N, C-alpha and C. Protein backbone atom coordinates (compact mmCIF):
# COMPACT_ATOMS: atom_id res chain seq x y z
N MET A 1 38.90 167.55 109.79
CA MET A 1 40.07 166.71 109.80
C MET A 1 39.64 165.28 109.50
N GLU A 2 40.34 164.64 108.57
CA GLU A 2 40.06 163.25 108.21
C GLU A 2 40.89 162.32 109.10
N VAL A 3 40.28 161.26 109.61
CA VAL A 3 40.96 160.30 110.47
C VAL A 3 41.16 159.01 109.70
N ASN A 4 42.38 158.50 109.73
CA ASN A 4 42.69 157.23 109.08
C ASN A 4 42.33 156.09 110.03
N GLN A 5 41.28 155.38 109.73
CA GLN A 5 40.79 154.32 110.60
C GLN A 5 41.64 153.06 110.58
N THR A 6 42.59 152.96 109.65
CA THR A 6 43.40 151.73 109.58
C THR A 6 44.54 151.71 110.58
N HIS A 7 44.89 152.88 111.15
CA HIS A 7 45.98 152.95 112.12
C HIS A 7 45.50 153.61 113.39
N ASN A 8 45.10 152.84 114.35
CA ASN A 8 44.60 153.37 115.61
C ASN A 8 45.68 153.19 116.67
N LEU A 9 46.58 154.17 116.80
CA LEU A 9 47.68 154.07 117.73
C LEU A 9 47.23 154.04 119.18
N VAL A 10 46.06 154.58 119.46
CA VAL A 10 45.57 154.58 120.83
C VAL A 10 45.33 153.16 121.32
N ASN A 11 44.86 152.29 120.45
CA ASN A 11 44.55 150.92 120.85
C ASN A 11 45.66 149.92 120.50
N ALA A 12 46.76 150.38 119.91
CA ALA A 12 47.86 149.47 119.57
C ALA A 12 48.62 149.09 120.85
N PRO A 13 49.19 147.89 120.88
CA PRO A 13 49.94 147.45 122.07
C PRO A 13 51.12 148.38 122.38
N PHE A 14 51.39 148.56 123.66
CA PHE A 14 52.52 149.35 124.15
C PHE A 14 53.33 148.44 125.05
N LEU A 15 54.49 147.99 124.59
CA LEU A 15 55.32 147.02 125.31
C LEU A 15 56.47 147.73 125.99
N LYS A 16 56.66 147.49 127.30
CA LYS A 16 57.73 148.15 128.06
C LYS A 16 58.68 147.10 128.62
N PHE A 17 59.98 147.37 128.48
CA PHE A 17 61.02 146.48 128.98
C PHE A 17 62.06 147.28 129.74
N LYS A 18 62.71 146.63 130.70
CA LYS A 18 63.82 147.27 131.39
C LYS A 18 65.01 147.36 130.46
N THR A 19 65.31 146.27 129.76
CA THR A 19 66.42 146.26 128.81
C THR A 19 66.12 145.31 127.66
N LEU A 20 66.62 145.66 126.50
CA LEU A 20 66.51 144.84 125.30
C LEU A 20 67.80 145.02 124.51
N PRO A 21 68.16 144.05 123.70
CA PRO A 21 69.27 144.31 122.78
C PRO A 21 68.91 145.47 121.85
N SER A 22 67.68 145.45 121.26
CA SER A 22 67.26 146.48 120.32
C SER A 22 65.73 146.51 120.25
N THR A 23 65.14 147.67 120.50
CA THR A 23 63.68 147.77 120.38
C THR A 23 63.25 147.56 118.93
N ASN A 24 64.06 148.05 118.01
CA ASN A 24 63.77 147.91 116.59
C ASN A 24 63.77 146.43 116.18
N GLN A 25 64.80 145.71 116.57
CA GLN A 25 64.89 144.29 116.23
C GLN A 25 63.75 143.50 116.86
N TYR A 26 63.40 143.85 118.09
CA TYR A 26 62.31 143.16 118.77
C TYR A 26 61.01 143.29 117.97
N LEU A 27 60.70 144.50 117.51
CA LEU A 27 59.47 144.69 116.73
C LEU A 27 59.56 144.02 115.37
N LEU A 28 60.73 144.02 114.75
CA LEU A 28 60.87 143.33 113.46
C LEU A 28 60.58 141.84 113.61
N GLU A 29 61.02 141.25 114.70
CA GLU A 29 60.75 139.83 114.94
C GLU A 29 59.27 139.60 115.21
N LEU A 30 58.60 140.52 115.91
CA LEU A 30 57.17 140.39 116.15
C LEU A 30 56.38 140.53 114.85
N THR A 31 56.85 141.34 113.93
CA THR A 31 56.16 141.56 112.66
C THR A 31 55.94 140.25 111.92
N ARG A 32 56.88 139.36 112.06
CA ARG A 32 56.74 138.05 111.40
C ARG A 32 55.49 137.32 111.88
N ASP A 33 55.06 137.64 113.09
CA ASP A 33 53.86 137.02 113.65
C ASP A 33 52.63 137.89 113.47
N LYS A 34 52.73 138.87 112.56
CA LYS A 34 51.62 139.77 112.22
C LYS A 34 51.16 140.61 113.41
N THR A 35 52.09 141.34 113.98
CA THR A 35 51.79 142.26 115.07
C THR A 35 50.87 143.38 114.59
N VAL A 36 50.07 143.92 115.48
CA VAL A 36 49.16 145.03 115.19
C VAL A 36 49.98 146.24 114.76
N SER A 37 49.54 146.90 113.69
CA SER A 37 50.20 148.12 113.22
C SER A 37 50.18 149.17 114.31
N GLY A 38 51.29 149.84 114.52
CA GLY A 38 51.38 150.87 115.54
C GLY A 38 51.88 150.37 116.88
N THR A 39 52.21 149.08 116.99
CA THR A 39 52.74 148.55 118.23
C THR A 39 54.00 149.34 118.62
N THR A 40 54.06 149.75 119.87
CA THR A 40 55.19 150.52 120.38
C THR A 40 55.97 149.68 121.38
N CYS A 41 57.28 149.76 121.30
CA CYS A 41 58.17 149.02 122.19
C CYS A 41 59.15 150.02 122.81
N THR A 42 59.24 150.04 124.15
CA THR A 42 60.20 150.90 124.82
C THR A 42 61.10 150.07 125.72
N ALA A 43 62.30 150.59 125.96
CA ALA A 43 63.25 149.96 126.89
C ALA A 43 64.01 151.07 127.60
N GLN A 44 64.39 150.80 128.84
CA GLN A 44 65.18 151.77 129.60
C GLN A 44 66.64 151.74 129.19
N SER A 45 67.06 150.65 128.55
CA SER A 45 68.42 150.56 128.00
C SER A 45 68.43 149.56 126.86
N GLN A 46 69.39 149.75 125.96
CA GLN A 46 69.59 148.83 124.83
C GLN A 46 71.07 148.48 124.77
N SER A 47 71.36 147.21 124.51
CA SER A 47 72.76 146.79 124.42
C SER A 47 73.24 146.68 122.98
N ALA A 48 72.31 146.65 122.04
CA ALA A 48 72.69 146.51 120.63
C ALA A 48 71.69 147.26 119.75
N GLY A 49 71.46 148.54 120.07
CA GLY A 49 70.54 149.34 119.28
C GLY A 49 71.01 149.40 117.83
N ARG A 50 70.06 149.54 116.92
CA ARG A 50 70.45 149.66 115.52
C ARG A 50 69.47 150.58 114.82
N GLY A 51 69.93 151.17 113.74
CA GLY A 51 69.08 152.09 113.01
C GLY A 51 69.34 152.01 111.52
N ARG A 52 69.08 153.10 110.84
CA ARG A 52 69.26 153.15 109.39
C ARG A 52 70.71 152.85 109.01
N GLY A 53 70.85 152.19 107.88
CA GLY A 53 72.19 151.88 107.38
C GLY A 53 72.95 150.93 108.29
N ASP A 54 72.23 150.13 109.07
CA ASP A 54 72.83 149.18 110.01
C ASP A 54 73.77 149.83 111.01
N ARG A 55 73.55 151.10 111.31
CA ARG A 55 74.34 151.77 112.36
C ARG A 55 73.95 151.16 113.69
N THR A 56 74.91 150.95 114.56
CA THR A 56 74.65 150.38 115.88
C THR A 56 75.10 151.35 116.97
N TRP A 57 74.52 151.20 118.14
CA TRP A 57 74.92 152.01 119.29
C TRP A 57 74.47 151.33 120.56
N VAL A 58 75.00 151.79 121.68
CA VAL A 58 74.60 151.34 123.00
C VAL A 58 73.81 152.48 123.65
N SER A 59 72.68 152.16 124.23
CA SER A 59 71.83 153.14 124.87
C SER A 59 71.88 152.88 126.37
N PRO A 60 72.56 153.75 127.13
CA PRO A 60 72.77 153.49 128.57
C PRO A 60 71.48 153.53 129.37
N PRO A 61 71.50 152.88 130.54
CA PRO A 61 70.33 152.89 131.43
C PRO A 61 69.94 154.32 131.81
N GLY A 62 68.65 154.49 132.03
CA GLY A 62 68.14 155.79 132.47
C GLY A 62 67.40 156.56 131.39
N GLY A 63 67.45 156.08 130.18
CA GLY A 63 66.75 156.74 129.10
C GLY A 63 65.46 156.02 128.78
N MET A 64 64.80 156.46 127.73
CA MET A 64 63.64 155.74 127.21
C MET A 64 63.84 155.65 125.70
N TYR A 65 64.10 154.46 125.25
CA TYR A 65 64.39 154.19 123.85
C TYR A 65 63.18 153.51 123.25
N ARG A 66 62.73 153.99 122.08
CA ARG A 66 61.44 153.55 121.57
C ARG A 66 61.50 153.25 120.08
N SER A 67 60.74 152.25 119.68
CA SER A 67 60.49 151.95 118.27
C SER A 67 58.99 151.74 118.12
N ILE A 68 58.48 152.19 116.97
CA ILE A 68 57.04 152.03 116.69
C ILE A 68 56.90 151.32 115.36
């Protein structure tokens, strides 16, 4: 098995929040500051989640919502 040394998810930051407007938006804003590839962001709830095609949704408390 070949291992890609450029993406080491084991050592990438793992950020946890109780609530965020959007885990995706949070990581997009961090990218501007050259965040480490593979950074993971989780939240127990989202108030303004967004995805492909600018679809939005609310993610109620009690879940685990993640963007990588």
